[in-house]
PDB file of N, CA and C in Angstrom:
ATOM      1  N   UNK A   1     108.555  85.720  94.351  1.00  0.00           N
ATOM      2  CA  UNK A   1     109.332  86.432  95.498  1.00  0.00           C
ATOM      3  C   UNK A   1     110.928  86.521  95.341  1.00  0.00           C
ATOM      4  N   UNK A   2     111.307  87.859  95.613  1.00  0.00           N
ATOM      5  CA  UNK A   2     112.452  88.425  95.259  1.00  0.00           C
ATOM      6  C   UNK A   2     113.709  87.875  96.183  1.00  0.00           C
ATOM      7  N   UNK A   3     114.588  87.586  95.603  1.00  0.00           N
ATOM      8  CA  UNK A   3     115.775  86.706  96.543  1.00  0.00           C
ATOM      9  C   UNK A   3     116.109  87.576  97.898  1.00  0.00           C
ATOM     10  N   UNK A   4     115.981  89.036  98.126  1.00  0.00           N
ATOM     11  CA  UNK A   4     116.186  89.504  99.179  1.00  0.00           C
ATOM     12  C   UNK A   4     114.856  89.185 100.040  1.00  0.00           C
ATOM     13  N   UNK A   5     113.878  89.274  99.584  1.00  0.00           N
ATOM     14  CA  UNK A   5     112.941  88.948 100.316  1.00  0.00           C
ATOM     15  C   UNK A   5     112.946  87.854 101.087  1.00  0.00           C
ATOM     16  N   UNK A   6     113.274  86.883 100.045  1.00  0.00           N
ATOM     17  CA  UNK A   6     113.212  85.259 100.594  1.00  0.00           C
ATOM     18  C   UNK A   6     114.619  85.147 101.923  1.00  0.00           C
ATOM     19  N   UNK A   7     115.253  85.857 101.681  1.00  0.00           N
ATOM     20  CA  UNK A   7     116.451  85.826 102.688  1.00  0.00           C
ATOM     21  C   UNK A   7     115.959  86.599 104.080  1.00  0.00           C
ATOM     22  N   UNK A   8     115.310  87.891 104.047  1.00  0.00           N
ATOM     23  CA  UNK A   8     114.506  88.423 105.031  1.00  0.00           C
ATOM     24  C   UNK A   8     113.845  87.364 105.473  1.00  0.00           C
ATOM     25  N   UNK A   9     112.921  86.859 105.019  1.00  0.00           N
ATOM     26  CA  UNK A   9     112.057  86.350 105.591  1.00  0.00           C
ATOM     27  C   UNK A   9     112.920  84.795 106.278  1.00  0.00           C
ATOM     28  N   UNK A  10     113.850  84.059 105.922  1.00  0.00           N
ATOM     29  CA  UNK A  10     114.380  82.998 106.292  1.00  0.00           C
ATOM     30  C   UNK A  10     115.264  83.504 107.749  1.00  0.00           C
ATOM     31  N   UNK A  11     115.731  84.613 107.766  1.00  0.00           N
ATOM     32  CA  UNK A  11     116.344  85.221 108.725  1.00  0.00           C
ATOM     33  C   UNK A  11     115.155  85.308 109.881  1.00  0.00           C
ATOM     34  N   UNK A  12     114.092  85.756 109.548  1.00  0.00           N
ATOM     35  CA  UNK A  12     113.183  85.817 110.657  1.00  0.00           C
ATOM     36  C   UNK A  12     112.725  84.465 111.010  1.00  0.00           C
ATOM     37  N   UNK A  13     112.642  83.712 110.280  1.00  0.00           N
ATOM     38  CA  UNK A  13     112.131  82.566 110.698  1.00  0.00           C
ATOM     39  C   UNK A  13     113.037  81.594 111.523  1.00  0.00           C
ATOM     40  N   UNK A  14     114.499  81.979 111.215  1.00  0.00           N
ATOM     41  CA  UNK A  14     115.118  81.226 112.004  1.00  0.00           C
ATOM     42  C   UNK A  14     115.542  81.429 113.476  1.00  0.00           C
ATOM     43  N   UNK A  15     115.108  82.305 114.108  1.00  0.00           N
ATOM     44  CA  UNK A  15     115.369  83.215 115.332  1.00  0.00           C
ATOM     45  C   UNK A  15     114.044  82.151 116.366  1.00  0.00           C
ATOM     46  N   UNK A  16     113.537  81.328 115.449  1.00  0.00           N
ATOM     47  CA  UNK A  16     112.455  80.524 116.124  1.00  0.00           C
ATOM     48  C   UNK A  16     112.878  79.110 116.077  1.00  0.00           C
ATOM     49  N   UNK A  17     112.992  78.153 117.579  1.00  0.00           N
ATOM     50  CA  UNK A  17     113.419  77.250 117.562  1.00  0.00           C
ATOM     51  C   UNK A  17     112.281  75.938 117.080  1.00  0.00           C
ATOM     52  N   UNK A  18     111.143  76.620 117.369  1.00  0.00           N
ATOM     53  CA  UNK A  18     109.791  75.759 117.234  1.00  0.00           C
ATOM     54  C   UNK A  18     108.746  76.381 116.698  1.00  0.00           C
ATOM     55  N   UNK A  19     107.610  75.993 116.344  1.00  0.00           N
ATOM     56  CA  UNK A  19     106.705  77.342 115.692  1.00  0.00           C
ATOM     57  C   UNK A  19     106.259  78.087 116.513  1.00  0.00           C
ATOM     58  N   UNK A  20     105.928  79.134 116.071  1.00  0.00           N
ATOM     59  CA  UNK A  20     105.708  80.601 117.039  1.00  0.00           C
ATOM     60  C   UNK A  20     104.373  80.358 117.370  1.00  0.00           C
ATOM     61  N   UNK A  21     104.134  80.477 118.848  1.00  0.00           N
ATOM     62  CA  UNK A  21     102.904  80.949 119.606  1.00  0.00           C
ATOM     63  C   UNK A  21     102.502  82.263 119.578  1.00  0.00           C
ATOM     64  N   UNK A  22     101.209  82.849 119.599  1.00  0.00           N
ATOM     65  CA  UNK A  22     101.178  83.992 119.843  1.00  0.00           C
ATOM     66  C   UNK A  22     101.912  84.807 120.926  1.00  0.00           C
ATOM     67  N   UNK A  23     102.210  83.899 122.354  1.00  0.00           N
ATOM     68  CA  UNK A  23     102.915  84.710 123.301  1.00  0.00           C
ATOM     69  C   UNK A  23     104.774  84.632 122.806  1.00  0.00           C
ATOM     70  N   UNK A  24     105.145  83.537 122.327  1.00  0.00           N
ATOM     71  CA  UNK A  24     106.339  84.009 121.702  1.00  0.00           C
ATOM     72  C   UNK A  24     106.663  85.135 120.501  1.00  0.00           C
ATOM     73  N   UNK A  25     105.352  85.230 119.885  1.00  0.00           N
ATOM     74  CA  UNK A  25     105.414  86.269 118.917  1.00  0.00           C
ATOM     75  C   UNK A  25     105.365  87.270 119.393  1.00  0.00           C
ATOM     76  N   UNK A  26     104.466  87.786 120.317  1.00  0.00           N
ATOM     77  CA  UNK A  26     104.431  89.120 121.259  1.00  0.00           C
ATOM     78  C   UNK A  26     105.599  89.431 122.158  1.00  0.00           C
ATOM     79  N   UNK A  27     106.425  88.582 122.560  1.00  0.00           N
ATOM     80  CA  UNK A  27     107.572  88.475 123.310  1.00  0.00           C
ATOM     81  C   UNK A  27     108.803  89.222 122.242  1.00  0.00           C
ATOM     82  N   UNK A  28     108.914  88.364 120.986  1.00  0.00           N
ATOM     83  CA  UNK A  28     109.813  88.796 120.231  1.00  0.00           C
ATOM     84  C   UNK A  28     109.552  90.178 119.608  1.00  0.00           C
ATOM     85  N   UNK A  29     108.334  90.507 119.392  1.00  0.00           N
ATOM     86  CA  UNK A  29     108.264  91.919 118.656  1.00  0.00           C
ATOM     87  C   UNK A  29     108.559  92.916 119.640  1.00  0.00           C
ATOM     88  N   UNK A  30     108.396  92.575 121.090  1.00  0.00           N
ATOM     89  CA  UNK A  30     108.576  93.378 122.346  1.00  0.00           C
ATOM     90  C   UNK A  30     109.648  93.646 122.546  1.00  0.00           C
ATOM     91  N   UNK A  31     110.665  92.639 122.587  1.00  0.00           N
ATOM     92  CA  UNK A  31     111.870  92.279 122.490  1.00  0.00           C
ATOM     93  C   UNK A  31     112.623  93.450 121.485  1.00  0.00           C
ATOM     94  N   UNK A  32     112.231  93.293 120.140  1.00  0.00           N
ATOM     95  CA  UNK A  32     113.008  94.035 118.858  1.00  0.00           C
ATOM     96  C   UNK A  32     112.468  95.251 118.787  1.00  0.00           C
ATOM     97  N   UNK A  33     111.563  96.027 119.516  1.00  0.00           N
ATOM     98  CA  UNK A  33     111.128  97.458 119.162  1.00  0.00           C
ATOM     99  C   UNK A  33     112.123  98.253 118.891  1.00  0.00           C
ATOM    100  N   UNK A  34     113.434  98.411 119.529  1.00  0.00           N
ATOM    101  CA  UNK A  34     114.098  98.817 119.958  1.00  0.00           C
ATOM    102  C   UNK A  34     115.396  98.865 118.645  1.00  0.00           C
ATOM    103  N   UNK A  35     115.588  97.521 118.476  1.00  0.00           N
ATOM    104  CA  UNK A  35     116.625  96.722 117.729  1.00  0.00           C
ATOM    105  C   UNK A  35     116.072  97.297 115.999  1.00  0.00           C
ATOM    106  N   UNK A  36     115.031  97.192 115.744  1.00  0.00           N
ATOM    107  CA  UNK A  36     114.563  97.157 114.120  1.00  0.00           C
ATOM    108  C   UNK A  36     113.818  98.491 113.855  1.00  0.00           C
ATOM    109  N   UNK A  37     113.629  98.964 112.693  1.00  0.00           N
ATOM    110  CA  UNK A  37     113.073 100.024 112.030  1.00  0.00           C
ATOM    111  C   UNK A  37     111.526  99.388 112.167  1.00  0.00           C
ATOM    112  N   UNK A  38     110.584  99.941 112.127  1.00  0.00           N
ATOM    113  CA  UNK A  38     108.938  99.646 111.774  1.00  0.00           C
ATOM    114  C   UNK A  38     108.800  99.133 110.856  1.00  0.00           C
ATOM    115  N   UNK A  39     109.621  99.541 109.893  1.00  0.00           N
ATOM    116  CA  UNK A  39     109.200  98.902 108.153  1.00  0.00           C
ATOM    117  C   UNK A  39     109.772  97.310 108.378  1.00  0.00           C
ATOM    118  N   UNK A  40     110.828  97.302 108.880  1.00  0.00           N
ATOM    119  CA  UNK A  40     111.592  96.117 109.092  1.00  0.00           C
ATOM    120  C   UNK A  40     110.688  95.032 110.114  1.00  0.00           C
ATOM    121  N   UNK A  41     109.824  95.599 111.153  1.00  0.00           N
ATOM    122  CA  UNK A  41     109.441  94.753 111.928  1.00  0.00           C
ATOM    123  C   UNK A  41     107.886  94.480 111.221  1.00  0.00           C
ATOM    124  N   UNK A  42     107.607  95.320 110.276  1.00  0.00           N
ATOM    125  CA  UNK A  42     106.528  94.930 109.354  1.00  0.00           C
ATOM    126  C   UNK A  42     106.514  93.661 108.558  1.00  0.00           C
ATOM    127  N   UNK A  43     107.832  93.782 108.075  1.00  0.00           N
ATOM    128  CA  UNK A  43     108.472  92.708 107.137  1.00  0.00           C
ATOM    129  C   UNK A  43     108.669  91.412 108.235  1.00  0.00           C
ATOM    130  N   UNK A  44     109.072  91.431 108.981  1.00  0.00           N
ATOM    131  CA  UNK A  44     109.030  90.112 109.700  1.00  0.00           C
ATOM    132  C   UNK A  44     107.788  89.907 110.030  1.00  0.00           C
ATOM    133  N   UNK A  45     106.952  90.356 110.526  1.00  0.00           N
ATOM    134  CA  UNK A  45     105.339  90.473 110.067  1.00  0.00           C
ATOM    135  C   UNK A  45     105.050  89.353 109.269  1.00  0.00           C
ATOM    136  N   UNK A  46     104.884  90.037 108.495  1.00  0.00           N
ATOM    137  CA  UNK A  46     104.410  89.510 107.106  1.00  0.00           C
ATOM    138  C   UNK A  46     105.262  87.987 106.658  1.00  0.00           C
ATOM    139  N   UNK A  47     106.504  87.701 107.008  1.00  0.00           N
ATOM    140  CA  UNK A  47     106.873  86.838 107.069  1.00  0.00           C
ATOM    141  C   UNK A  47     106.591  85.575 108.022  1.00  0.00           C
ATOM    142  N   UNK A  48     106.751  85.981 109.186  1.00  0.00           N
ATOM    143  CA  UNK A  48     105.685  84.863 110.259  1.00  0.00           C
ATOM    144  C   UNK A  48     104.560  84.797 109.659  1.00  0.00           C
ATOM    145  N   UNK A  49     103.696  85.449 109.453  1.00  0.00           N
ATOM    146  CA  UNK A  49     102.392  85.395 108.801  1.00  0.00           C
ATOM    147  C   UNK A  49     102.073  84.178 107.993  1.00  0.00           C
ATOM    148  N   UNK A  50     103.263  84.771 106.897  1.00  0.00           N
ATOM    149  CA  UNK A  50     102.893  83.652 105.934  1.00  0.00           C
ATOM    150  C   UNK A  50     103.417  82.393 106.048  1.00  0.00           C
ATOM    151  N   UNK A  51     104.602  81.997 107.292  1.00  0.00           N
ATOM    152  CA  UNK A  51     104.833  80.897 107.577  1.00  0.00           C
ATOM    153  C   UNK A  51     103.898  80.242 108.558  1.00  0.00           C
ATOM    154  N   UNK A  52     103.160  80.998 109.098  1.00  0.00           N
ATOM    155  CA  UNK A  52     101.674  80.448 110.016  1.00  0.00           C
ATOM    156  C   UNK A  52     100.660  79.930 109.064  1.00  0.00           C
ATOM    157  N   UNK A  53     100.658  80.704 107.821  1.00  0.00           N
ATOM    158  CA  UNK A  53      99.640  80.207 107.083  1.00  0.00           C
ATOM    159  C   UNK A  53      99.584  79.133 106.298  1.00  0.00           C
ATOM    160  N   UNK A  54     101.179  78.655 105.916  1.00  0.00           N
ATOM    161  CA  UNK A  54     101.640  77.588 105.740  1.00  0.00           C
ATOM    162  C   UNK A  54     101.122  76.503 106.347  1.00  0.00           C
ATOM    163  N   UNK A  55     101.674  76.814 107.187  1.00  0.00           N
ATOM    164  CA  UNK A  55     101.403  75.487 108.353  1.00  0.00           C
ATOM    165  C   UNK A  55      99.886  75.609 109.014  1.00  0.00           C
ATOM    166  N   UNK A  56      99.221  75.992 108.329  1.00  0.00           N
ATOM    167  CA  UNK A  56      97.784  76.125 108.435  1.00  0.00           C
ATOM    168  C   UNK A  56      97.437  76.736 109.985  1.00  0.00           C
ATOM    169  N   UNK A  57      98.275  77.644 110.409  1.00  0.00           N
ATOM    170  CA  UNK A  57      97.995  77.779 111.796  1.00  0.00           C
ATOM    171  C   UNK A  57      97.106  79.312 111.894  1.00  0.00           C
ATOM    172  N   UNK A  58      96.378  79.562 112.896  1.00  0.00           N
ATOM    173  CA  UNK A  58      96.008  81.069 112.928  1.00  0.00           C
ATOM    174  C   UNK A  58      96.382  81.675 114.262  1.00  0.00           C
ATOM    175  N   UNK A  59      96.645  82.769 113.851  1.00  0.00           N
ATOM    176  CA  UNK A  59      97.414  83.933 114.955  1.00  0.00           C
ATOM    177  C   UNK A  59      96.721  85.044 114.606  1.00  0.00           C
ATOM    178  N   UNK A  60      96.171  85.218 115.732  1.00  0.00           N
ATOM    179  CA  UNK A  60      95.435  87.104 115.919  1.00  0.00           C
ATOM    180  C   UNK A  60      96.487  87.929 116.351  1.00  0.00           C
ATOM    181  N   UNK A  61      96.617  88.681 114.915  1.00  0.00           N
ATOM    182  CA  UNK A  61      97.679  89.410 114.962  1.00  0.00           C
ATOM    183  C   UNK A  61      97.315  90.895 115.544  1.00  0.00           C
ATOM    184  N   UNK A  62      96.145  90.967 115.964  1.00  0.00           N
ATOM    185  CA  UNK A  62      95.877  92.421 116.407  1.00  0.00           C
ATOM    186  C   UNK A  62      96.669  92.602 117.602  1.00  0.00           C
ATOM    187  N   UNK A  63      96.817  91.869 118.701  1.00  0.00           N
ATOM    188  CA  UNK A  63      97.339  92.297 119.985  1.00  0.00           C
ATOM    189  C   UNK A  63      98.730  92.515 119.631  1.00  0.00           C
ATOM    190  N   UNK A  64      99.427  91.787 118.706  1.00  0.00           N
ATOM    191  CA  UNK A  64     100.825  91.717 118.397  1.00  0.00           C
ATOM    192  C   UNK A  64     100.984  93.086 117.687  1.00  0.00           C
ATOM    193  N   UNK A  65      99.893  93.375 116.476  1.00  0.00           N
ATOM    194  CA  UNK A  65     100.068  94.364 115.486  1.00  0.00           C
ATOM    195  C   UNK A  65     100.316  95.814 116.087  1.00  0.00           C
ATOM    196  N   UNK A  66      99.765  95.746 117.201  1.00  0.00           N
ATOM    197  CA  UNK A  66      99.358  96.881 118.430  1.00  0.00           C
ATOM    198  C   UNK A  66     101.178  97.714 118.887  1.00  0.00           C
ATOM    199  N   UNK A  67     101.967  96.651 118.841  1.00  0.00           N
ATOM    200  CA  UNK A  67     103.327  96.709 119.292  1.00  0.00           C
ATOM    201  C   UNK A  67     104.091  97.589 118.049  1.00  0.00           C
ATOM    202  N   UNK A  68     103.881  97.275 117.072  1.00  0.00           N
ATOM    203  CA  UNK A  68     104.496  97.980 116.005  1.00  0.00           C
ATOM    204  C   UNK A  68     104.165  99.322 115.619  1.00  0.00           C
ATOM    205  N   UNK A  69     105.109  99.987 115.827  1.00  0.00           N
ATOM    206  CA  UNK A  69     104.919 101.316 115.524  1.00  0.00           C
ATOM    207  C   UNK A  69     104.075 101.752 114.223  1.00  0.00           C
ATOM    208  N   UNK A  70     103.405 102.531 113.996  1.00  0.00           N
ATOM    209  CA  UNK A  70     103.200 102.975 112.462  1.00  0.00           C
ATOM    210  C   UNK A  70     104.211 103.726 111.822  1.00  0.00           C
ATOM    211  N   UNK A  71     103.864 103.220 110.171  1.00  0.00           N
ATOM    212  CA  UNK A  71     104.814 103.755 109.289  1.00  0.00           C
ATOM    213  C   UNK A  71     104.210 104.852 108.581  1.00  0.00           C
ATOM    214  N   UNK A  72     105.174 105.400 108.140  1.00  0.00           N
ATOM    215  CA  UNK A  72     104.447 106.562 107.141  1.00  0.00           C
ATOM    216  C   UNK A  72     104.965 105.902 105.889  1.00  0.00           C
ATOM    217  N   UNK A  73     104.069 106.338 104.856  1.00  0.00           N
ATOM    218  CA  UNK A  73     104.379 105.976 103.721  1.00  0.00           C
ATOM    219  C   UNK A  73     105.081 107.026 102.925  1.00  0.00           C
ATOM    220  N   UNK A  74     106.478 106.787 102.332  1.00  0.00           N
ATOM    221  CA  UNK A  74     107.403 107.181 101.885  1.00  0.00           C
ATOM    222  C   UNK A  74     106.847 108.154 100.418  1.00  0.00           C
ATOM    223  N   UNK A  75     106.979 109.434 100.391  1.00  0.00           N
ATOM    224  CA  UNK A  75     106.890 110.310  99.033  1.00  0.00           C
ATOM    225  C   UNK A  75     108.022 110.295  98.555  1.00  0.00           C
ATOM    226  N   UNK A  76     108.339 110.364  97.270  1.00  0.00           N
ATOM    227  CA  UNK A  76     109.545 110.196  96.524  1.00  0.00           C
ATOM    228  C   UNK A  76     109.453 111.682  96.157  1.00  0.00           C
ATOM    229  N   UNK A  77     110.472 112.574  95.961  1.00  0.00           N
ATOM    230  CA  UNK A  77     110.465 113.587  95.002  1.00  0.00           C
ATOM    231  C   UNK A  77     110.638 113.545  93.492  1.00  0.00           C
ATOM    232  N   UNK A  78     109.547 114.410  92.842  1.00  0.00           N
ATOM    233  CA  UNK A  78     109.888 113.795  91.262  1.00  0.00           C
ATOM    234  C   UNK A  78     110.004 115.115  90.725  1.00  0.00           C
ATOM    235  N   UNK A  79     110.510 115.002  89.368  1.00  0.00           N
ATOM    236  CA  UNK A  79     110.442 116.301  88.324  1.00  0.00           C
ATOM    237  C   UNK A  79     109.253 117.042  88.000  1.00  0.00           C
ATOM    238  N   UNK A  80     109.196 118.144  87.550  1.00  0.00           N
ATOM    239  CA  UNK A  80     108.382 118.609  86.681  1.00  0.00           C
ATOM    240  C   UNK A  80     108.660 118.619  85.399  1.00  0.00           C
ATOM    241  N   UNK A  81     108.117 119.339  84.542  1.00  0.00           N
ATOM    242  CA  UNK A  81     108.213 119.057  83.185  1.00  0.00           C
ATOM    243  C   UNK A  81     109.514 120.403  82.833  1.00  0.00           C
ATOM    244  N   UNK A  82     109.257 121.587  83.416  1.00  0.00           N
ATOM    245  CA  UNK A  82     110.514 122.282  83.373  1.00  0.00           C
ATOM    246  C   UNK A  82     111.999 121.779  83.927  1.00  0.00           C
ATOM    247  N   UNK A  83     111.878 121.192  85.331  1.00  0.00           N
ATOM    248  CA  UNK A  83     113.242 120.596  85.557  1.00  0.00           C
ATOM    249  C   UNK A  83     113.568 119.365  84.655  1.00  0.00           C
ATOM    250  N   UNK A  84     112.716 118.899  83.973  1.00  0.00           N
ATOM    251  CA  UNK A  84     113.232 117.800  83.149  1.00  0.00           C
ATOM    252  C   UNK A  84     114.142 118.643  81.916  1.00  0.00           C
ATOM    253  N   UNK A  85     113.191 119.418  81.421  1.00  0.00           N
ATOM    254  CA  UNK A  85     114.005 120.224  80.082  1.00  0.00           C
ATOM    255  C   UNK A  85     114.955 120.816  80.493  1.00  0.00           C
ATOM    256  N   UNK A  86     114.977 121.309  81.534  1.00  0.00           N
ATOM    257  CA  UNK A  86     116.592 121.787  81.957  1.00  0.00           C
ATOM    258  C   UNK A  86     117.859 120.813  82.526  1.00  0.00           C
ATOM    259  N   UNK A  87     117.124 119.664  82.726  1.00  0.00           N
ATOM    260  CA  UNK A  87     118.241 118.637  82.794  1.00  0.00           C
ATOM    261  C   UNK A  87     118.586 118.074  81.594  1.00  0.00           C
ATOM    262  N   UNK A  88     117.429 117.942  80.757  1.00  0.00           N
ATOM    263  CA  UNK A  88     117.890 117.532  79.097  1.00  0.00           C
ATOM    264  C   UNK A  88     118.954 118.377  78.254  1.00  0.00           C
ATOM    265  N   UNK A  89     118.801 119.753  78.873  1.00  0.00           N
ATOM    266  CA  UNK A  89     119.557 120.615  78.202  1.00  0.00           C
ATOM    267  C   UNK A  89     121.030 120.767  78.868  1.00  0.00           C
ATOM    268  N   UNK A  90     121.215 119.963  79.834  1.00  0.00           N
ATOM    269  CA  UNK A  90     122.510 119.848  80.143  1.00  0.00           C
ATOM    270  C   UNK A  90     123.223 118.955  79.630  1.00  0.00           C
ATOM    271  N   UNK A  91     124.101 119.267  78.608  1.00  0.00           N
ATOM    272  CA  UNK A  91     124.754 118.027  77.856  1.00  0.00           C
ATOM    273  C   UNK A  91     126.329 118.110  78.689  1.00  0.00           C
ATOM    274  N   UNK A  92     126.376 117.080  79.161  1.00  0.00           N
ATOM    275  CA  UNK A  92     127.725 116.625  79.527  1.00  0.00           C
ATOM    276  C   UNK A  92     128.167 115.532  78.698  1.00  0.00           C
ATOM    277  N   UNK A  93     127.642 115.029  77.620  1.00  0.00           N
ATOM    278  CA  UNK A  93     128.369 113.759  76.752  1.00  0.00           C
ATOM    279  C   UNK A  93     129.070 114.363  75.577  1.00  0.00           C
ATOM    280  N   UNK A  94     129.799 114.120  75.188  1.00  0.00           N
ATOM    281  CA  UNK A  94     130.395 114.957  74.205  1.00  0.00           C
ATOM    282  C   UNK A  94     129.827 114.034  72.664  1.00  0.00           C
ATOM    283  N   UNK A  95     129.403 112.739  72.739  1.00  0.00           N
ATOM    284  CA  UNK A  95     128.717 112.097  71.675  1.00  0.00           C
ATOM    285  C   UNK A  95     127.286 112.390  71.695  1.00  0.00           C
ATOM    286  N   UNK A  96     127.127 112.668  70.374  1.00  0.00           N
ATOM    287  CA  UNK A  96     125.428 113.399  70.051  1.00  0.00           C
ATOM    288  C   UNK A  96     124.511 112.222  70.293  1.00  0.00           C
ATOM    289  N   UNK A  97     125.075 110.979  69.750  1.00  0.00           N
ATOM    290  CA  UNK A  97     124.181 109.762  70.179  1.00  0.00           C
ATOM    291  C   UNK A  97     123.820 109.197  71.468  1.00  0.00           C
ATOM    292  N   UNK A  98     125.161 109.689  72.442  1.00  0.00           N
ATOM    293  CA  UNK A  98     124.563 109.012  73.754  1.00  0.00           C
ATOM    294  C   UNK A  98     124.057 110.226  74.331  1.00  0.00           C
ATOM    295  N   UNK A  99     124.253 111.408  73.948  1.00  0.00           N
ATOM    296  CA  UNK A  99     123.342 112.638  74.395  1.00  0.00           C
ATOM    297  C   UNK A  99     121.612 112.431  74.069  1.00  0.00           C
ATOM    298  N   UNK A 100     121.652 112.072  72.751  1.00  0.00           N
ATOM    299  CA  UNK A 100     120.177 111.654  72.427  1.00  0.00           C
ATOM    300  C   UNK A 100     119.597 110.457  72.963  1.00  0.00           C
ATOM    301  N   UNK A 101     120.325 109.594  73.509  1.00  0.00           N
ATOM    302  CA  UNK A 101     119.681 108.358  73.751  1.00  0.00           C
ATOM    303  C   UNK A 101     119.680 108.438  75.363  1.00  0.00           C
ATOM    304  N   UNK A 102     120.543 109.450  76.120  1.00  0.00           N
ATOM    305  CA  UNK A 102     119.860 109.660  77.647  1.00  0.00           C
ATOM    306  C   UNK A 102     119.023 110.413  77.633  1.00  0.00           C
ATOM    307  N   UNK A 103     118.662 111.593  76.612  1.00  0.00           N
ATOM    308  CA  UNK A 103     117.387 112.092  76.793  1.00  0.00           C
ATOM    309  C   UNK A 103     116.176 111.280  76.496  1.00  0.00           C
ATOM    310  N   UNK A 104     116.314 110.410  75.853  1.00  0.00           N
ATOM    311  CA  UNK A 104     114.997 109.412  75.332  1.00  0.00           C
ATOM    312  C   UNK A 104     114.965 108.633  76.984  1.00  0.00           C
ATOM    313  N   UNK A 105     115.913 108.253  77.257  1.00  0.00           N
ATOM    314  CA  UNK A 105     115.788 107.410  78.451  1.00  0.00           C
ATOM    315  C   UNK A 105     114.930 108.309  79.536  1.00  0.00           C
ATOM    316  N   UNK A 106     115.337 109.712  79.802  1.00  0.00           N
ATOM    317  CA  UNK A 106     114.680 110.593  80.559  1.00  0.00           C
ATOM    318  C   UNK A 106     113.087 110.779  80.566  1.00  0.00           C
ATOM    319  N   UNK A 107     113.100 110.756  78.859  1.00  0.00           N
ATOM    320  CA  UNK A 107     111.639 111.171  78.517  1.00  0.00           C
ATOM    321  C   UNK A 107     110.825 110.117  79.036  1.00  0.00           C
ATOM    322  N   UNK A 108     111.697 108.367  78.527  1.00  0.00           N
ATOM    323  CA  UNK A 108     110.875 107.471  79.086  1.00  0.00           C
ATOM    324  C   UNK A 108     110.371 107.379  80.709  1.00  0.00           C
ATOM    325  N   UNK A 109     111.420 107.273  81.395  1.00  0.00           N
ATOM    326  CA  UNK A 109     111.268 107.614  82.491  1.00  0.00           C
ATOM    327  C   UNK A 109     110.136 108.518  83.030  1.00  0.00           C
ATOM    328  N   UNK A 110     110.122 109.539  82.551  1.00  0.00           N
ATOM    329  CA  UNK A 110     109.340 110.846  83.170  1.00  0.00           C
ATOM    330  C   UNK A 110     107.740 110.380  82.703  1.00  0.00           C
ATOM    331  N   UNK A 111     107.425 110.162  81.269  1.00  0.00           N
ATOM    332  CA  UNK A 111     106.322 110.035  80.881  1.00  0.00           C
ATOM    333  C   UNK A 111     105.641 108.757  80.900  1.00  0.00           C
ATOM    334  N   UNK A 112     106.383 107.677  81.449  1.00  0.00           N
ATOM    335  CA  UNK A 112     105.947 106.542  81.449  1.00  0.00           C
ATOM    336  C   UNK A 112     105.522 106.108  83.244  1.00  0.00           C
ATOM    337  N   UNK A 113     106.501 106.538  83.877  1.00  0.00           N
ATOM    338  CA  UNK A 113     106.150 106.441  85.149  1.00  0.00           C
ATOM    339  C   UNK A 113     107.065 105.195  85.799  1.00  0.00           C
ATOM    340  N   UNK A 114     107.756 104.397  85.012  1.00  0.00           N
ATOM    341  CA  UNK A 114     108.556 103.436  85.215  1.00  0.00           C
ATOM    342  C   UNK A 114     109.787 103.466  85.832  1.00  0.00           C
ATOM    343  N   UNK A 115     109.793 102.484  86.936  1.00  0.00           N
ATOM    344  CA  UNK A 115     111.198 102.746  87.705  1.00  0.00           C
ATOM    345  C   UNK A 115     112.284 102.684  87.302  1.00  0.00           C
ATOM    346  N   UNK A 116     113.441 102.931  87.831  1.00  0.00           N
ATOM    347  CA  UNK A 116     114.698 102.960  86.723  1.00  0.00           C
ATOM    348  C   UNK A 116     114.928 101.436  86.660  1.00  0.00           C
ATOM    349  N   UNK A 117     114.879 100.748  88.103  1.00  0.00           N
ATOM    350  CA  UNK A 117     115.064  99.214  87.909  1.00  0.00           C
ATOM    351  C   UNK A 117     114.687  98.354  87.000  1.00  0.00           C
ATOM    352  N   UNK A 118     113.202  98.716  86.854  1.00  0.00           N
ATOM    353  CA  UNK A 118     112.452  98.234  85.481  1.00  0.00           C
ATOM    354  C   UNK A 118     112.768  98.414  84.307  1.00  0.00           C
ATOM    355  N   UNK A 119     113.221  99.739  84.146  1.00  0.00           N
ATOM    356  CA  UNK A 119     113.797 100.363  82.976  1.00  0.00           C
ATOM    357  C   UNK A 119     115.104  99.523  82.310  1.00  0.00           C
ATOM    358  N   UNK A 120     116.060  99.150  83.538  1.00  0.00           N
ATOM    359  CA  UNK A 120     117.243  98.465  83.489  1.00  0.00           C
ATOM    360  C   UNK A 120     116.841  97.397  82.943  1.00  0.00           C
ATOM    361  N   UNK A 121     116.215  96.740  83.573  1.00  0.00           N
ATOM    362  CA  UNK A 121     115.806  95.348  83.009  1.00  0.00           C
ATOM    363  C   UNK A 121     115.022  94.982  81.708  1.00  0.00           C
ATOM    364  N   UNK A 122     114.250  95.896  81.067  1.00  0.00           N
ATOM    365  CA  UNK A 122     113.976  95.962  79.897  1.00  0.00           C
ATOM    366  C   UNK A 122     114.888  95.557  78.535  1.00  0.00           C
ATOM    367  N   UNK A 123     114.827  94.407  78.133  1.00  0.00           N
ATOM    368  CA  UNK A 123     115.172  93.500  76.845  1.00  0.00           C
ATOM    369  C   UNK A 123     115.170  93.981  75.618  1.00  0.00           C
ATOM    370  N   UNK A 124     116.015  93.845  74.640  1.00  0.00           N
ATOM    371  CA  UNK A 124     115.468  94.366  73.121  1.00  0.00           C
ATOM    372  C   UNK A 124     114.080  93.765  72.727  1.00  0.00           C
ATOM    373  N   UNK A 125     114.072  92.688  73.104  1.00  0.00           N
ATOM    374  CA  UNK A 125     112.712  91.735  72.388  1.00  0.00           C
ATOM    375  C   UNK A 125     111.581  92.972  73.453  1.00  0.00           C
ATOM    376  N   UNK A 126     111.310  93.377  74.013  1.00  0.00           N
ATOM    377  CA  UNK A 126     110.073  93.731  75.022  1.00  0.00           C
ATOM    378  C   UNK A 126     110.059  94.834  74.304  1.00  0.00           C
TER     379      UNK A 126
END
């Protein structure tokens, strides 16, 4: 689990002095509908659900889940090949090796579908 996710989960769990019950969960989500974005509420639900599974407690989330507004999937704008070519033709680097390296990075991102974060973490031995 990512450190940010762990931090979010812990923050959510600290809001409860004792093991959450269906009633306290429902009240918690009702009270926080205006305080948080629907996607944040969804993460909070995942955190609580994970904790309850760990405690081997069962909660029927159907009634609680109805309180959380639906989130729409995010679609990100992407480049097409013509735009990629135009971007690569824009040479802002004076050093030809850096220009070539940057074009290679752009090609790798475009044709592999790897995320920028994943690209940054690639090590030489990979």
